[in-house]
Amino acid sequence: MAQRSSTQRTDWMEVAAAYSQLVGQHTAAVIGIVHGAKPSVGQNQTIVDVGLRREFGSSWLVSAGVGAGIGQQSPAFCPLLVLQKSFRVF
């Protein structure tokens, strides 16, 4: 296991907000913002992202989008691709 450096946080918090709007029967447009800590102590980042979320069948979702950072400590560009599978536990 890698050792944590003295400049890395032991824990951190993030806050997120999002809005989605159906644009088709199985497709939604999504916009969101995330503000939170970076792994290094004393650094934060804010990212605004937009994308589409598409449902395939009854249990598969694919989301794709792009994000842009706000502020000097935030990343300039952030691509997003998510594959989600839903399943019943009980």
C-alpha atoms as a PDB file:
ATOM      1  CA  MET A   1       0.000   0.000   0.000  1.00  0.00           C
ATOM      2  CA  ALA A   2       1.328   3.433  -0.924  1.00  0.00           C
ATOM      3  CA  GLN A   3       2.157   5.864   1.842  1.00  0.00           C
ATOM      4  CA  ARG A   4       0.241   9.140   1.943  1.00  0.00           C
ATOM      5  CA  SER A   5       2.482  12.188   1.696  1.00  0.00           C
ATOM      6  CA  SER A   6       2.383  14.920   4.327  1.00  0.00           C
ATOM      7  CA  THR A   7       0.642  17.271   1.843  1.00  0.00           C
ATOM      8  CA  GLN A   8      -2.263  14.901   1.090  1.00  0.00           C
ATOM      9  CA  ARG A   9      -5.626  15.146   2.828  1.00  0.00           C
ATOM     10  CA  THR A  10      -6.842  12.319   5.017  1.00  0.00           C
ATOM     11  CA  ASP A  11     -10.449  13.058   4.056  1.00  0.00           C
ATOM     12  CA  TRP A  12     -12.368  15.578   1.968  1.00  0.00           C
ATOM     13  CA  MET A  13     -15.881  16.727   1.117  1.00  0.00           C
ATOM     14  CA  GLU A  14     -17.594  17.555  -2.181  1.00  0.00           C
ATOM     15  CA  VAL A  15     -20.882  19.316  -2.876  1.00  0.00           C
ATOM     16  CA  ALA A  16     -22.803  18.764  -6.114  1.00  0.00           C
ATOM     17  CA  ALA A  17     -25.987  20.044  -7.739  1.00  0.00           C
ATOM     18  CA  ALA A  18     -27.532  18.943 -11.025  1.00  0.00           C
ATOM     19  CA  TYR A  19     -30.549  19.467 -13.234  1.00  0.00           C
ATOM     20  CA  SER A  20     -31.882  17.091 -15.897  1.00  0.00           C
ATOM     21  CA  GLN A  21     -34.543  17.523 -18.567  1.00  0.00           C
ATOM     22  CA  LEU A  22     -36.038  14.822 -20.790  1.00  0.00           C
ATOM     23  CA  VAL A  23     -35.262  15.510 -24.462  1.00  0.00           C
ATOM     24  CA  GLY A  24     -36.628  12.208 -25.762  1.00  0.00           C
ATOM     25  CA  GLN A  25     -38.430   9.121 -24.516  1.00  0.00           C
ATOM     26  CA  HIS A  26     -35.189   7.523 -23.252  1.00  0.00           C
ATOM     27  CA  THR A  27     -32.771  10.483 -23.281  1.00  0.00           C
ATOM     28  CA  ALA A  28     -32.125  13.316 -20.818  1.00  0.00           C
ATOM     29  CA  ALA A  29     -29.888  16.370 -20.986  1.00  0.00           C
ATOM     30  CA  VAL A  30     -27.980  16.980 -17.748  1.00  0.00           C
ATOM     31  CA  ILE A  31     -26.089  19.988 -16.368  1.00  0.00           C
ATOM     32  CA  GLY A  32     -24.244  19.890 -13.079  1.00  0.00           C
ATOM     33  CA  ILE A  33     -21.709  21.594 -10.882  1.00  0.00           C
ATOM     34  CA  VAL A  34     -19.336  19.993  -8.372  1.00  0.00           C
ATOM     35  CA  HIS A  35     -17.225  21.857  -5.817  1.00  0.00           C
ATOM     36  CA  GLY A  36     -14.827  20.004  -3.603  1.00  0.00           C
ATOM     37  CA  ALA A  37     -11.386  19.385  -2.272  1.00  0.00           C
ATOM     38  CA  LYS A  38      -8.459  18.112  -4.304  1.00  0.00           C
ATOM     39  CA  PRO A  39      -6.188  15.468  -2.752  1.00  0.00           C
ATOM     40  CA  SER A  40      -3.594  18.108  -1.763  1.00  0.00           C
ATOM     41  CA  VAL A  41      -4.209  20.105   1.417  1.00  0.00           C
ATOM     42  CA  GLY A  42      -5.431  23.657   0.776  1.00  0.00           C
ATOM     43  CA  GLN A  43      -6.595  23.073  -2.813  1.00  0.00           C
ATOM     44  CA  ASN A  44     -10.193  23.029  -4.095  1.00  0.00           C
ATOM     45  CA  GLN A  45     -11.779  22.614  -7.502  1.00  0.00           C
ATOM     46  CA  THR A  46     -15.069  23.532  -9.153  1.00  0.00           C
ATOM     47  CA  ILE A  47     -16.254  21.779 -12.323  1.00  0.00           C
ATOM     48  CA  VAL A  48     -19.334  22.557 -14.441  1.00  0.00           C
ATOM     49  CA  ASP A  49     -20.396  19.748 -16.762  1.00  0.00           C
ATOM     50  CA  VAL A  50     -23.040  19.113 -19.418  1.00  0.00           C
ATOM     51  CA  GLY A  51     -24.009  15.868 -21.071  1.00  0.00           C
ATOM     52  CA  LEU A  52     -26.606  13.373 -22.218  1.00  0.00           C
ATOM     53  CA  ARG A  53     -27.948  10.300 -20.431  1.00  0.00           C
ATOM     54  CA  ARG A  54     -29.540   7.510 -22.481  1.00  0.00           C
ATOM     55  CA  GLU A  55     -31.456   4.466 -21.251  1.00  0.00           C
ATOM     56  CA  PHE A  56     -31.082   1.153 -23.115  1.00  0.00           C
ATOM     57  CA  GLY A  57     -33.601  -1.517 -22.179  1.00  0.00           C
ATOM     58  CA  SER A  58     -34.743  -1.685 -18.583  1.00  0.00           C
ATOM     59  CA  SER A  59     -31.381  -1.866 -16.828  1.00  0.00           C
ATOM     60  CA  TRP A  60     -28.596  -0.162 -18.842  1.00  0.00           C
ATOM     61  CA  LEU A  61     -27.727   3.551 -18.895  1.00  0.00           C
ATOM     62  CA  VAL A  62     -24.973   5.359 -20.794  1.00  0.00           C
ATOM     63  CA  SER A  63     -23.962   8.918 -19.954  1.00  0.00           C
ATOM     64  CA  ALA A  64     -21.455  11.096 -21.803  1.00  0.00           C
ATOM     65  CA  GLY A  65     -20.467  14.706 -21.337  1.00  0.00           C
ATOM     66  CA  VAL A  66     -17.749  17.286 -20.899  1.00  0.00           C
ATOM     67  CA  GLY A  67     -16.769  19.417 -17.944  1.00  0.00           C
ATOM     68  CA  ALA A  68     -14.849  22.657 -17.596  1.00  0.00           C
ATOM     69  CA  GLY A  69     -13.122  23.897 -14.484  1.00  0.00           C
ATOM     70  CA  ILE A  70     -13.728  27.283 -12.898  1.00  0.00           C
ATOM     71  CA  GLY A  71     -10.711  28.814 -11.165  1.00  0.00           C
ATOM     72  CA  GLN A  72      -6.972  28.250 -11.276  1.00  0.00           C
ATOM     73  CA  GLN A  73      -6.949  25.059  -9.197  1.00  0.00           C
ATOM     74  CA  SER A  74      -9.641  23.380 -11.327  1.00  0.00           C
ATOM     75  CA  PRO A  75      -8.930  21.235 -14.403  1.00  0.00           C
ATOM     76  CA  ALA A  76      -9.363  23.025 -17.735  1.00  0.00           C
ATOM     77  CA  PHE A  77     -11.241  20.132 -19.384  1.00  0.00           C
ATOM     78  CA  CYS A  78     -12.766  16.895 -18.127  1.00  0.00           C
ATOM     79  CA  PRO A  79     -14.378  14.259 -20.408  1.00  0.00           C
ATOM     80  CA  LEU A  80     -17.009  12.001 -18.812  1.00  0.00           C
ATOM     81  CA  LEU A  81     -18.246   8.563 -19.890  1.00  0.00           C
ATOM     82  CA  VAL A  82     -20.374   6.385 -17.620  1.00  0.00           C
ATOM     83  CA  LEU A  83     -21.854   2.928 -18.155  1.00  0.00           C
ATOM     84  CA  GLN A  84     -24.418   1.925 -15.524  1.00  0.00           C
ATOM     85  CA  LYS A  85     -26.153  -1.424 -14.964  1.00  0.00           C
ATOM     86  CA  SER A  86     -29.098  -1.685 -12.578  1.00  0.00           C
ATOM     87  CA  PHE A  87     -29.963  -4.943 -10.856  1.00  0.00           C
ATOM     88  CA  ARG A  88     -32.229  -6.191  -8.077  1.00  0.00           C
ATOM     89  CA  VAL A  89     -30.674  -7.301  -4.823  1.00  0.00           C
ATOM     90  CA  PHE A  90     -33.815  -8.675  -3.163  1.00  0.00           C
END
